[in-house]
């Protein structure tokens, strides 16, 4: 948001913030969500690089296509463990996981 727009909104009595402010998330909760989303994006990138469909990846990890879709979307019902295990099953390494976590997009 540009500065002028922010100033106009605040002058009108609006409070301007981000989703973390709105949801009153703690810094560690924000960090966790950012890590999960970064790993989810990396999983999709790795799946596409290996030319796997979601259905084929699901068969490889004994899961369902919809579960893979949820992993790639960072769905809250999917554990971080499952995302990391799936990355490793597709050929990702511990180093790849570390790089994905360290390249968090704002």
C-alpha atoms as a PDB file:
ATOM      1  CA  UNK A   1       0.000   0.000   0.000  1.00  0.00           C
ATOM      2  CA  UNK A   2       1.387   3.388  -0.894  1.00  0.00           C
ATOM      3  CA  UNK A   3       2.083   5.934   1.844  1.00  0.00           C
ATOM      4  CA  UNK A   4      -0.548   8.451   0.707  1.00  0.00           C
ATOM      5  CA  UNK A   5      -3.318   5.860   0.746  1.00  0.00           C
ATOM      6  CA  UNK A   6      -2.238   4.627   4.177  1.00  0.00           C
ATOM      7  CA  UNK A   7      -2.245   8.205   5.518  1.00  0.00           C
ATOM      8  CA  UNK A   8      -5.735   8.859   4.096  1.00  0.00           C
ATOM      9  CA  UNK A   9      -7.098   5.700   5.694  1.00  0.00           C
ATOM     10  CA  UNK A  10      -5.507   6.431   9.064  1.00  0.00           C
ATOM     11  CA  UNK A  11      -6.748  10.034   8.940  1.00  0.00           C
ATOM     12  CA  UNK A  12     -10.262   8.657   8.417  1.00  0.00           C
ATOM     13  CA  UNK A  13      -9.926   6.550  11.552  1.00  0.00           C
ATOM     14  CA  UNK A  14      -9.001   3.235   9.967  1.00  0.00           C
ATOM     15  CA  UNK A  15      -6.327   1.011  11.449  1.00  0.00           C
ATOM     16  CA  UNK A  16      -3.887  -0.331   8.877  1.00  0.00           C
ATOM     17  CA  UNK A  17      -1.980  -3.573   9.411  1.00  0.00           C
ATOM     18  CA  UNK A  18      -1.388  -7.012   7.997  1.00  0.00           C
ATOM     19  CA  UNK A  19      -2.980 -10.414   8.526  1.00  0.00           C
ATOM     20  CA  UNK A  20      -0.742 -11.113  11.520  1.00  0.00           C
ATOM     21  CA  UNK A  21      -1.966  -7.928  13.192  1.00  0.00           C
ATOM     22  CA  UNK A  22      -5.597  -8.703  12.381  1.00  0.00           C
ATOM     23  CA  UNK A  23      -5.354 -12.277  13.676  1.00  0.00           C
ATOM     24  CA  UNK A  24      -3.168 -11.229  16.615  1.00  0.00           C
ATOM     25  CA  UNK A  25      -0.554 -13.843  15.752  1.00  0.00           C
ATOM     26  CA  UNK A  26       2.578 -14.205  17.809  1.00  0.00           C
ATOM     27  CA  UNK A  27       5.900 -13.862  15.946  1.00  0.00           C
ATOM     28  CA  UNK A  28       6.547 -17.614  16.286  1.00  0.00           C
ATOM     29  CA  UNK A  29       3.127 -18.361  14.768  1.00  0.00           C
ATOM     30  CA  UNK A  30       3.903 -16.092  11.804  1.00  0.00           C
ATOM     31  CA  UNK A  31       7.308 -17.794  11.361  1.00  0.00           C
ATOM     32  CA  UNK A  32       5.691 -21.246  11.444  1.00  0.00           C
ATOM     33  CA  UNK A  33       3.090 -20.299   8.836  1.00  0.00           C
ATOM     34  CA  UNK A  34       5.746 -18.755   6.579  1.00  0.00           C
ATOM     35  CA  UNK A  35       7.910 -21.915   6.833  1.00  0.00           C
ATOM     36  CA  UNK A  36       4.967 -24.161   6.019  1.00  0.00           C
ATOM     37  CA  UNK A  37       3.970 -22.078   3.004  1.00  0.00           C
ATOM     38  CA  UNK A  38       7.549 -21.978   1.756  1.00  0.00           C
ATOM     39  CA  UNK A  39       7.830 -25.765   1.997  1.00  0.00           C
ATOM     40  CA  UNK A  40       4.454 -26.162   0.290  1.00  0.00           C
ATOM     41  CA  UNK A  41       5.614 -24.016  -2.640  1.00  0.00           C
ATOM     42  CA  UNK A  42       8.851 -25.998  -2.837  1.00  0.00           C
ATOM     43  CA  UNK A  43       6.956 -29.310  -2.846  1.00  0.00           C
ATOM     44  CA  UNK A  44       4.903 -28.173  -5.836  1.00  0.00           C
ATOM     45  CA  UNK A  45       8.022 -26.938  -7.620  1.00  0.00           C
ATOM     46  CA  UNK A  46       9.769 -30.270  -6.997  1.00  0.00           C
ATOM     47  CA  UNK A  47       6.718 -32.257  -8.160  1.00  0.00           C
ATOM     48  CA  UNK A  48       6.533 -30.290 -11.393  1.00  0.00           C
ATOM     49  CA  UNK A  49      10.299 -30.566 -11.927  1.00  0.00           C
ATOM     50  CA  UNK A  50       9.945 -34.354 -11.649  1.00  0.00           C
ATOM     51  CA  UNK A  51       6.986 -34.258 -14.054  1.00  0.00           C
ATOM     52  CA  UNK A  52       4.637 -35.889 -11.569  1.00  0.00           C
ATOM     53  CA  UNK A  53       0.926 -35.243 -11.416  1.00  0.00           C
ATOM     54  CA  UNK A  54      -0.651 -34.823  -8.017  1.00  0.00           C
ATOM     55  CA  UNK A  55      -2.240 -38.247  -8.486  1.00  0.00           C
ATOM     56  CA  UNK A  56       1.095 -39.885  -9.318  1.00  0.00           C
ATOM     57  CA  UNK A  57       2.749 -38.276  -6.311  1.00  0.00           C
ATOM     58  CA  UNK A  58      -0.141 -39.430  -4.134  1.00  0.00           C
ATOM     59  CA  UNK A  59       0.398 -43.036  -5.264  1.00  0.00           C
ATOM     60  CA  UNK A  60       4.100 -42.723  -4.515  1.00  0.00           C
ATOM     61  CA  UNK A  61       3.421 -41.703  -0.909  1.00  0.00           C
ATOM     62  CA  UNK A  62       0.322 -43.895  -0.400  1.00  0.00           C
ATOM     63  CA  UNK A  63      -2.019 -40.951  -0.085  1.00  0.00           C
ATOM     64  CA  UNK A  64      -4.699 -39.224  -2.133  1.00  0.00           C
ATOM     65  CA  UNK A  65      -4.549 -36.564  -4.831  1.00  0.00           C
ATOM     66  CA  UNK A  66      -6.621 -34.236  -2.667  1.00  0.00           C
ATOM     67  CA  UNK A  67      -4.114 -34.609   0.172  1.00  0.00           C
ATOM     68  CA  UNK A  68      -1.280 -33.632  -2.186  1.00  0.00           C
ATOM     69  CA  UNK A  69      -3.311 -30.605  -3.289  1.00  0.00           C
ATOM     70  CA  UNK A  70      -3.785 -29.638   0.359  1.00  0.00           C
ATOM     71  CA  UNK A  71      -0.044 -30.014   0.991  1.00  0.00           C
ATOM     72  CA  UNK A  72       0.749 -27.741  -1.931  1.00  0.00           C
ATOM     73  CA  UNK A  73      -1.795 -25.185  -0.711  1.00  0.00           C
ATOM     74  CA  UNK A  74      -0.392 -25.141   2.823  1.00  0.00           C
ATOM     75  CA  UNK A  75      -3.720 -26.291   4.235  1.00  0.00           C
ATOM     76  CA  UNK A  76      -3.779 -26.131   8.045  1.00  0.00           C
ATOM     77  CA  UNK A  77      -4.948 -29.753   8.250  1.00  0.00           C
ATOM     78  CA  UNK A  78      -1.640 -30.958   6.755  1.00  0.00           C
ATOM     79  CA  UNK A  79       1.262 -31.452   9.130  1.00  0.00           C
ATOM     80  CA  UNK A  80       4.698 -30.051   8.510  1.00  0.00           C
ATOM     81  CA  UNK A  81       5.983 -33.612   8.962  1.00  0.00           C
ATOM     82  CA  UNK A  82       3.940 -34.851   6.006  1.00  0.00           C
ATOM     83  CA  UNK A  83       5.141 -32.033   3.764  1.00  0.00           C
ATOM     84  CA  UNK A  84       8.801 -32.691   4.645  1.00  0.00           C
ATOM     85  CA  UNK A  85       8.421 -36.478   4.247  1.00  0.00           C
ATOM     86  CA  UNK A  86       6.811 -35.941   0.841  1.00  0.00           C
ATOM     87  CA  UNK A  87       9.610 -33.612  -0.273  1.00  0.00           C
ATOM     88  CA  UNK A  88      12.119 -36.295   0.691  1.00  0.00           C
ATOM     89  CA  UNK A  89      10.065 -38.989  -1.097  1.00  0.00           C
ATOM     90  CA  UNK A  90      10.200 -36.980  -4.325  1.00  0.00           C
ATOM     91  CA  UNK A  91      13.978 -36.740  -4.153  1.00  0.00           C
ATOM     92  CA  UNK A  92      14.469 -33.581  -2.139  1.00  0.00           C
ATOM     93  CA  UNK A  93      17.287 -33.513   0.395  1.00  0.00           C
ATOM     94  CA  UNK A  94      17.651 -32.114   3.896  1.00  0.00           C
ATOM     95  CA  UNK A  95      19.633 -29.309   2.319  1.00  0.00           C
ATOM     96  CA  UNK A  96      16.755 -28.590  -0.083  1.00  0.00           C
ATOM     97  CA  UNK A  97      14.358 -28.380   2.869  1.00  0.00           C
ATOM     98  CA  UNK A  98      16.714 -25.974   4.643  1.00  0.00           C
ATOM     99  CA  UNK A  99      17.026 -23.806   1.535  1.00  0.00           C
ATOM    100  CA  UNK A 100      13.241 -23.756   1.072  1.00  0.00           C
ATOM    101  CA  UNK A 101      12.764 -22.659   4.671  1.00  0.00           C
ATOM    102  CA  UNK A 102      15.479 -20.006   4.437  1.00  0.00           C
ATOM    103  CA  UNK A 103      14.010 -18.541   1.228  1.00  0.00           C
ATOM    104  CA  UNK A 104      10.753 -17.433   2.817  1.00  0.00           C
ATOM    105  CA  UNK A 105       8.877 -14.916   0.682  1.00  0.00           C
ATOM    106  CA  UNK A 106       7.292 -11.935   2.381  1.00  0.00           C
END
